[in-house]
Amino acid sequence: MEVQEKVVLIITKKLEDDPTIKVTPDAKLSDFGDSLTKIDLLCEIEQAFGLEITPDAELKKMVTVQDVATYVQEATKPCAAQPLS
């Protein structure tokens, strides 16, 4: 499963109590509720991917579901091995 699909699935499951909400990559996080809802969603994503989203500047850049997926993809990308000198 791709990162984007997993992020959409996590958010969809978290918001399943409201069937009127459609979670797409272009959907704005603010459409899902207040800032506490956004924090709650991001905490779920942090747990699912085993990462921590910091600093606050990064949080402010996350406007859409795709923004979150892009951040997660970059944060979980394996580092290229550096040759030992």
C-alpha atoms as a PDB file:
ATOM      1  CA  MET A   1       0.000   0.000   0.000  1.00  0.00           C
ATOM      2  CA  GLU A   2       1.332   3.420  -0.946  1.00  0.00           C
ATOM      3  CA  VAL A   3       1.859   6.101   1.688  1.00  0.00           C
ATOM      4  CA  GLN A   4      -0.895   8.276   0.219  1.00  0.00           C
ATOM      5  CA  GLU A   5      -3.411   5.410   0.306  1.00  0.00           C
ATOM      6  CA  LYS A   6      -2.485   4.567   3.888  1.00  0.00           C
ATOM      7  CA  VAL A   7      -2.839   8.208   5.014  1.00  0.00           C
ATOM      8  CA  VAL A   8      -6.272   8.434   3.354  1.00  0.00           C
ATOM      9  CA  LEU A   9      -7.304   5.150   5.012  1.00  0.00           C
ATOM     10  CA  ILE A  10      -6.142   6.294   8.463  1.00  0.00           C
ATOM     11  CA  ILE A  11      -8.044   9.576   8.197  1.00  0.00           C
ATOM     12  CA  THR A  12     -11.139   7.857   6.791  1.00  0.00           C
ATOM     13  CA  LYS A  13     -11.202   5.366   9.674  1.00  0.00           C
ATOM     14  CA  LYS A  14     -10.729   8.135  12.234  1.00  0.00           C
ATOM     15  CA  LEU A  15     -13.627  10.114  10.749  1.00  0.00           C
ATOM     16  CA  GLU A  16     -15.949   7.169  10.090  1.00  0.00           C
ATOM     17  CA  ASP A  17     -18.576   8.603  12.451  1.00  0.00           C
ATOM     18  CA  ASP A  18     -19.348  11.259   9.833  1.00  0.00           C
ATOM     19  CA  PRO A  19     -20.301   9.586   6.535  1.00  0.00           C
ATOM     20  CA  THR A  20     -20.667  12.968   4.809  1.00  0.00           C
ATOM     21  CA  ILE A  21     -16.890  13.516   4.859  1.00  0.00           C
ATOM     22  CA  LYS A  22     -15.042  12.342   1.751  1.00  0.00           C
ATOM     23  CA  VAL A  23     -11.304  11.945   2.267  1.00  0.00           C
ATOM     24  CA  THR A  24      -9.290  12.571  -0.905  1.00  0.00           C
ATOM     25  CA  PRO A  25      -5.674  13.683  -1.417  1.00  0.00           C
ATOM     26  CA  ASP A  26      -6.916  17.195  -2.253  1.00  0.00           C
ATOM     27  CA  ALA A  27      -9.140  17.472   0.830  1.00  0.00           C
ATOM     28  CA  LYS A  28      -8.133  20.151   3.319  1.00  0.00           C
ATOM     29  CA  LEU A  29      -7.470  19.008   6.866  1.00  0.00           C
ATOM     30  CA  SER A  30      -9.445  22.014   8.114  1.00  0.00           C
ATOM     31  CA  ASP A  31     -12.547  20.531   6.416  1.00  0.00           C
ATOM     32  CA  PHE A  32     -12.440  17.636   8.877  1.00  0.00           C
ATOM     33  CA  GLY A  33     -12.883  19.757  12.001  1.00  0.00           C
ATOM     34  CA  ASP A  34     -11.082  22.168  14.274  1.00  0.00           C
ATOM     35  CA  SER A  35      -7.382  22.313  15.130  1.00  0.00           C
ATOM     36  CA  LEU A  36      -7.800  19.638  17.801  1.00  0.00           C
ATOM     37  CA  THR A  37      -9.168  17.269  15.174  1.00  0.00           C
ATOM     38  CA  LYS A  38      -6.154  18.028  12.975  1.00  0.00           C
ATOM     39  CA  ILE A  39      -3.779  17.277  15.852  1.00  0.00           C
ATOM     40  CA  ASP A  40      -5.655  14.045  16.610  1.00  0.00           C
ATOM     41  CA  LEU A  41      -5.427  12.946  12.957  1.00  0.00           C
ATOM     42  CA  LEU A  42      -1.723  13.742  12.797  1.00  0.00           C
ATOM     43  CA  CYS A  43      -1.122  11.792  16.044  1.00  0.00           C
ATOM     44  CA  GLU A  44      -2.784   8.754  14.452  1.00  0.00           C
ATOM     45  CA  ILE A  45      -0.537   9.136  11.406  1.00  0.00           C
ATOM     46  CA  GLU A  46       2.556   9.511  13.588  1.00  0.00           C
ATOM     47  CA  GLN A  47       1.710   6.273  15.392  1.00  0.00           C
ATOM     48  CA  ALA A  48       0.937   4.392  12.187  1.00  0.00           C
ATOM     49  CA  PHE A  49       4.240   5.345  10.565  1.00  0.00           C
ATOM     50  CA  GLY A  50       6.402   5.461  13.698  1.00  0.00           C
ATOM     51  CA  LEU A  51       7.480   9.064  13.298  1.00  0.00           C
ATOM     52  CA  GLU A  52       7.141  12.431  14.989  1.00  0.00           C
ATOM     53  CA  ILE A  53       5.966  15.478  13.068  1.00  0.00           C
ATOM     54  CA  THR A  54       7.958  18.473  14.287  1.00  0.00           C
ATOM     55  CA  PRO A  55       8.490  21.389  14.434  1.00  0.00           C
ATOM     56  CA  ASP A  56       5.319  23.467  14.353  1.00  0.00           C
ATOM     57  CA  ALA A  57       6.482  24.976  11.059  1.00  0.00           C
ATOM     58  CA  GLU A  58       6.025  21.549   9.465  1.00  0.00           C
ATOM     59  CA  LEU A  59       2.517  21.280  10.906  1.00  0.00           C
ATOM     60  CA  LYS A  60       1.542  24.609   9.387  1.00  0.00           C
ATOM     61  CA  LYS A  61       2.652  23.416   5.927  1.00  0.00           C
ATOM     62  CA  MET A  62       0.225  20.494   6.097  1.00  0.00           C
ATOM     63  CA  VAL A  63      -2.927  21.900   4.572  1.00  0.00           C
ATOM     64  CA  THR A  64      -4.169  18.939   2.522  1.00  0.00           C
ATOM     65  CA  VAL A  65      -4.135  15.166   2.901  1.00  0.00           C
ATOM     66  CA  GLN A  66      -1.542  15.087   0.095  1.00  0.00           C
ATOM     67  CA  ASP A  67       0.700  17.454   2.098  1.00  0.00           C
ATOM     68  CA  VAL A  68       0.624  14.960   4.971  1.00  0.00           C
ATOM     69  CA  ALA A  69       1.328  12.023   2.652  1.00  0.00           C
ATOM     70  CA  THR A  70       4.261  13.869   1.072  1.00  0.00           C
ATOM     71  CA  TYR A  71       5.720  14.675   4.493  1.00  0.00           C
ATOM     72  CA  VAL A  72       5.370  11.064   5.645  1.00  0.00           C
ATOM     73  CA  GLN A  73       6.910   9.756   2.442  1.00  0.00           C
ATOM     74  CA  GLU A  74       9.935  12.041   2.830  1.00  0.00           C
ATOM     75  CA  ALA A  75      10.267  11.333   6.559  1.00  0.00           C
ATOM     76  CA  THR A  76      10.178   7.571   6.067  1.00  0.00           C
ATOM     77  CA  LYS A  77      12.408   7.455   3.005  1.00  0.00           C
ATOM     78  CA  PRO A  78      15.479   5.356   3.702  1.00  0.00           C
ATOM     79  CA  CYS A  79      18.682   7.363   3.778  1.00  0.00           C
ATOM     80  CA  ALA A  80      21.199   6.581   1.074  1.00  0.00           C
ATOM     81  CA  ALA A  81      24.152   4.734   2.531  1.00  0.00           C
ATOM     82  CA  GLN A  82      27.280   6.827   2.636  1.00  0.00           C
ATOM     83  CA  PRO A  83      30.537   5.046   1.814  1.00  0.00           C
ATOM     84  CA  LEU A  84      32.900   4.796   4.741  1.00  0.00           C
ATOM     85  CA  SER A  85      36.076   6.817   4.344  1.00  0.00           C
END
